C-alpha atoms as a PDB file:
ATOM      1  CA  UNK A   1     110.352 106.147 101.498  1.00  0.00           C
ATOM      2  CA  UNK A   2     109.777 102.720 102.979  1.00  0.00           C
ATOM      3  CA  UNK A   3     108.249 100.225 100.591  1.00  0.00           C
ATOM      4  CA  UNK A   4     107.466  96.611 101.398  1.00  0.00           C
ATOM      5  CA  UNK A   5     107.089  94.271  98.466  1.00  0.00           C
ATOM      6  CA  UNK A   6     106.392  90.551  98.388  1.00  0.00           C
ATOM      7  CA  UNK A   7     109.139  88.874  96.385  1.00  0.00           C
ATOM      8  CA  UNK A   8     106.622  87.107  94.145  1.00  0.00           C
ATOM      9  CA  UNK A   9     105.409  90.553  93.008  1.00  0.00           C
ATOM     10  CA  UNK A  10     108.831  91.405  91.537  1.00  0.00           C
ATOM     11  CA  UNK A  11     109.098  90.727  87.798  1.00  0.00           C
ATOM     12  CA  UNK A  12     112.671  91.947  87.407  1.00  0.00           C
ATOM     13  CA  UNK A  13     115.311  94.339  88.730  1.00  0.00           C
ATOM     14  CA  UNK A  14     117.372  96.312  86.216  1.00  0.00           C
ATOM     15  CA  UNK A  15     120.581  98.186  87.024  1.00  0.00           C
ATOM     16  CA  UNK A  16     120.780 101.896  86.230  1.00  0.00           C
ATOM     17  CA  UNK A  17     124.211 103.091  87.341  1.00  0.00           C
ATOM     18  CA  UNK A  18     124.251 103.266  91.145  1.00  0.00           C
ATOM     19  CA  UNK A  19     120.471 102.788  91.184  1.00  0.00           C
ATOM     20  CA  UNK A  20     118.089 100.010  90.209  1.00  0.00           C
ATOM     21  CA  UNK A  21     114.636  99.941  88.686  1.00  0.00           C
ATOM     22  CA  UNK A  22     112.343  97.509  90.468  1.00  0.00           C
ATOM     23  CA  UNK A  23     109.565  96.343  88.127  1.00  0.00           C
ATOM     24  CA  UNK A  24     106.451  94.939  89.798  1.00  0.00           C
ATOM     25  CA  UNK A  25     103.544  92.818  88.555  1.00  0.00           C
ATOM     26  CA  UNK A  26     101.149  95.730  89.158  1.00  0.00           C
ATOM     27  CA  UNK A  27     102.877  97.709  86.406  1.00  0.00           C
ATOM     28  CA  UNK A  28     104.743 100.018  88.771  1.00  0.00           C
ATOM     29  CA  UNK A  29     108.416 100.795  88.430  1.00  0.00           C
ATOM     30  CA  UNK A  30     110.395 102.144  91.373  1.00  0.00           C
ATOM     31  CA  UNK A  31     113.872 103.675  91.210  1.00  0.00           C
ATOM     32  CA  UNK A  32     115.835 102.524  94.269  1.00  0.00           C
ATOM     33  CA  UNK A  33     119.181 103.676  95.641  1.00  0.00           C
ATOM     34  CA  UNK A  34     120.728 100.216  95.702  1.00  0.00           C
ATOM     35  CA  UNK A  35     123.129  98.616  93.283  1.00  0.00           C
ATOM     36  CA  UNK A  36     122.151  95.327  91.652  1.00  0.00           C
ATOM     37  CA  UNK A  37     124.529  93.244  93.780  1.00  0.00           C
ATOM     38  CA  UNK A  38     122.518  94.267  96.874  1.00  0.00           C
ATOM     39  CA  UNK A  39     119.403  92.606  95.409  1.00  0.00           C
ATOM     40  CA  UNK A  40     121.370  89.555  94.291  1.00  0.00           C
ATOM     41  CA  UNK A  41     122.818  89.032  97.794  1.00  0.00           C
ATOM     42  CA  UNK A  42     119.415  89.397  99.456  1.00  0.00           C
ATOM     43  CA  UNK A  43     117.620  87.154  96.966  1.00  0.00           C
ATOM     44  CA  UNK A  44     120.159  84.397  97.771  1.00  0.00           C
ATOM     45  CA  UNK A  45     118.960  84.505 101.396  1.00  0.00           C
ATOM     46  CA  UNK A  46     115.407  83.574 100.421  1.00  0.00           C
ATOM     47  CA  UNK A  47     114.061  80.115 101.189  1.00  0.00           C
ATOM     48  CA  UNK A  48     113.324  79.752  97.469  1.00  0.00           C
ATOM     49  CA  UNK A  49     116.676  81.270  96.451  1.00  0.00           C
ATOM     50  CA  UNK A  50     116.461  79.995  92.861  1.00  0.00           C
ATOM     51  CA  UNK A  51     113.388  82.164  92.200  1.00  0.00           C
ATOM     52  CA  UNK A  52     115.642  85.006  90.949  1.00  0.00           C
ATOM     53  CA  UNK A  53     118.334  84.611  88.309  1.00  0.00           C
ATOM     54  CA  UNK A  54     121.058  87.106  87.455  1.00  0.00           C
ATOM     55  CA  UNK A  55     121.093  87.789  83.709  1.00  0.00           C
ATOM     56  CA  UNK A  56     124.289  89.489  82.592  1.00  0.00           C
ATOM     57  CA  UNK A  57     125.614  92.536  84.392  1.00  0.00           C
ATOM     58  CA  UNK A  58     122.446  94.579  84.633  1.00  0.00           C
ATOM     59  CA  UNK A  59     119.407  92.374  85.196  1.00  0.00           C
ATOM     60  CA  UNK A  60     117.887  89.981  87.721  1.00  0.00           C
ATOM     61  CA  UNK A  61     114.689  88.213  86.655  1.00  0.00           C
ATOM     62  CA  UNK A  62     111.989  86.346  88.531  1.00  0.00           C
ATOM     63  CA  UNK A  63     112.001  83.032  86.689  1.00  0.00           C
ATOM     64  CA  UNK A  64     108.277  82.421  87.241  1.00  0.00           C
ATOM     65  CA  UNK A  65     107.494  85.307  84.863  1.00  0.00           C
ATOM     66  CA  UNK A  66     109.978  84.427  82.087  1.00  0.00           C
ATOM     67  CA  UNK A  67     107.739  83.462  79.187  1.00  0.00           C
ATOM     68  CA  UNK A  68     109.992  83.611  76.098  1.00  0.00           C
ATOM     69  CA  UNK A  69     113.762  83.854  75.621  1.00  0.00           C
ATOM     70  CA  UNK A  70     114.341  85.053  72.059  1.00  0.00           C
ATOM     71  CA  UNK A  71     118.004  84.773  71.048  1.00  0.00           C
ATOM     72  CA  UNK A  72     117.385  86.234  67.582  1.00  0.00           C
ATOM     73  CA  UNK A  73     115.602  89.373  68.820  1.00  0.00           C
ATOM     74  CA  UNK A  74     117.748  89.394  71.994  1.00  0.00           C
ATOM     75  CA  UNK A  75     114.764  89.806  74.301  1.00  0.00           C
ATOM     76  CA  UNK A  76     113.094  88.253  77.312  1.00  0.00           C
ATOM     77  CA  UNK A  77     109.312  88.304  77.345  1.00  0.00           C
ATOM     78  CA  UNK A  78     107.637  88.307  80.740  1.00  0.00           C
ATOM     79  CA  UNK A  79     104.117  87.050  81.269  1.00  0.00           C
ATOM     80  CA  UNK A  80     101.849  85.974  84.085  1.00  0.00           C
ATOM     81  CA  UNK A  81      98.221  86.045  85.044  1.00  0.00           C
ATOM     82  CA  UNK A  82      98.831  88.757  87.653  1.00  0.00           C
ATOM     83  CA  UNK A  83     100.970  91.102  85.542  1.00  0.00           C
ATOM     84  CA  UNK A  84      99.164  94.302  84.601  1.00  0.00           C
ATOM     85  CA  UNK A  85     100.070  96.682  81.833  1.00  0.00           C
ATOM     86  CA  UNK A  86     102.293  99.559  82.977  1.00  0.00           C
ATOM     87  CA  UNK A  87     101.396 103.113  81.989  1.00  0.00           C
ATOM     88  CA  UNK A  88     102.439 104.188  78.494  1.00  0.00           C
ATOM     89  CA  UNK A  89     105.693 106.134  78.306  1.00  0.00           C
ATOM     90  CA  UNK A  90     108.040 107.681  75.776  1.00  0.00           C
ATOM     91  CA  UNK A  91     110.986 106.154  77.645  1.00  0.00           C
ATOM     92  CA  UNK A  92     112.768 103.807  75.194  1.00  0.00           C
ATOM     93  CA  UNK A  93     114.000 101.663  78.124  1.00  0.00           C
ATOM     94  CA  UNK A  94     110.534 101.033  79.533  1.00  0.00           C
ATOM     95  CA  UNK A  95     108.618  97.797  79.076  1.00  0.00           C
ATOM     96  CA  UNK A  96     106.973  97.409  75.715  1.00  0.00           C
ATOM     97  CA  UNK A  97     104.209  95.023  74.692  1.00  0.00           C
ATOM     98  CA  UNK A  98     105.339  91.760  73.173  1.00  0.00           C
ATOM     99  CA  UNK A  99     104.363  90.604  69.699  1.00  0.00           C
ATOM    100  CA  UNK A 100     101.962  87.898  70.848  1.00  0.00           C
ATOM    101  CA  UNK A 101     100.191  89.999  73.445  1.00  0.00           C
ATOM    102  CA  UNK A 102      96.722  89.014  72.230  1.00  0.00           C
ATOM    103  CA  UNK A 103      97.325  85.276  72.422  1.00  0.00           C
ATOM    104  CA  UNK A 104      96.746  84.862  76.170  1.00  0.00           C
ATOM    105  CA  UNK A 105      93.363  86.198  77.310  1.00  0.00           C
ATOM    106  CA  UNK A 106      94.187  87.012  80.965  1.00  0.00           C
ATOM    107  CA  UNK A 107      97.826  87.878  80.557  1.00  0.00           C
ATOM    108  CA  UNK A 108      99.708  90.985  79.652  1.00  0.00           C
ATOM    109  CA  UNK A 109     103.124  90.390  78.128  1.00  0.00           C
ATOM    110  CA  UNK A 110     106.176  92.661  78.364  1.00  0.00           C
ATOM    111  CA  UNK A 111     109.602  92.502  76.761  1.00  0.00           C
ATOM    112  CA  UNK A 112     113.077  93.732  77.744  1.00  0.00           C
ATOM    113  CA  UNK A 113     116.251  93.723  75.622  1.00  0.00           C
ATOM    114  CA  UNK A 114     119.213  91.649  76.832  1.00  0.00           C
ATOM    115  CA  UNK A 115     122.554  90.651  75.308  1.00  0.00           C
ATOM    116  CA  UNK A 116     122.696  87.355  73.434  1.00  0.00           C
ATOM    117  CA  UNK A 117     125.318  85.851  75.774  1.00  0.00           C
ATOM    118  CA  UNK A 118     123.238  86.713  78.846  1.00  0.00           C
ATOM    119  CA  UNK A 119     120.176  85.135  77.226  1.00  0.00           C
ATOM    120  CA  UNK A 120     122.085  81.951  76.418  1.00  0.00           C
ATOM    121  CA  UNK A 121     123.207  81.716  80.027  1.00  0.00           C
ATOM    122  CA  UNK A 122     119.647  82.282  81.303  1.00  0.00           C
ATOM    123  CA  UNK A 123     118.291  79.640  78.939  1.00  0.00           C
ATOM    124  CA  UNK A 124     120.882  77.116  80.133  1.00  0.00           C
ATOM    125  CA  UNK A 125     120.139  77.859  83.798  1.00  0.00           C
ATOM    126  CA  UNK A 126     116.398  77.456  83.297  1.00  0.00           C
ATOM    127  CA  UNK A 127     116.898  74.188  81.410  1.00  0.00           C
ATOM    128  CA  UNK A 128     119.129  72.845  84.220  1.00  0.00           C
ATOM    129  CA  UNK A 129     116.510  73.852  86.819  1.00  0.00           C
ATOM    130  CA  UNK A 130     113.738  72.194  84.823  1.00  0.00           C
ATOM    131  CA  UNK A 131     115.785  69.005  84.632  1.00  0.00           C
ATOM    132  CA  UNK A 132     116.107  68.963  88.423  1.00  0.00           C
ATOM    133  CA  UNK A 133     112.389  69.495  89.090  1.00  0.00           C
END
């Protein structure tokens, strides 16, 4: 299958062995036969190369959709006016609604679990980027 995706439609990419799950703002998830380093290398070639941030060993996030970094719960919550709710699933690794989902009228919010150290690193990177803006 050939699939073209605008980079600003990618919420995150999560490693799954020798594959990756590409999560899009339209709620779709695609399993791709690329390892995470392939995405990381290609994202670095973008004009806006700081749009994507590697989080630990298994996740690359689009920083424009990072809404909350929760060190206590060890989660990242993604939000944005164009994100739509993905279909319900029994898969425990799928997106799940965040706690404050009703607080933003035109936004759907999704959460993914991440290690505490990876979250600390992401938080530091985002703070450094904000300082340079």
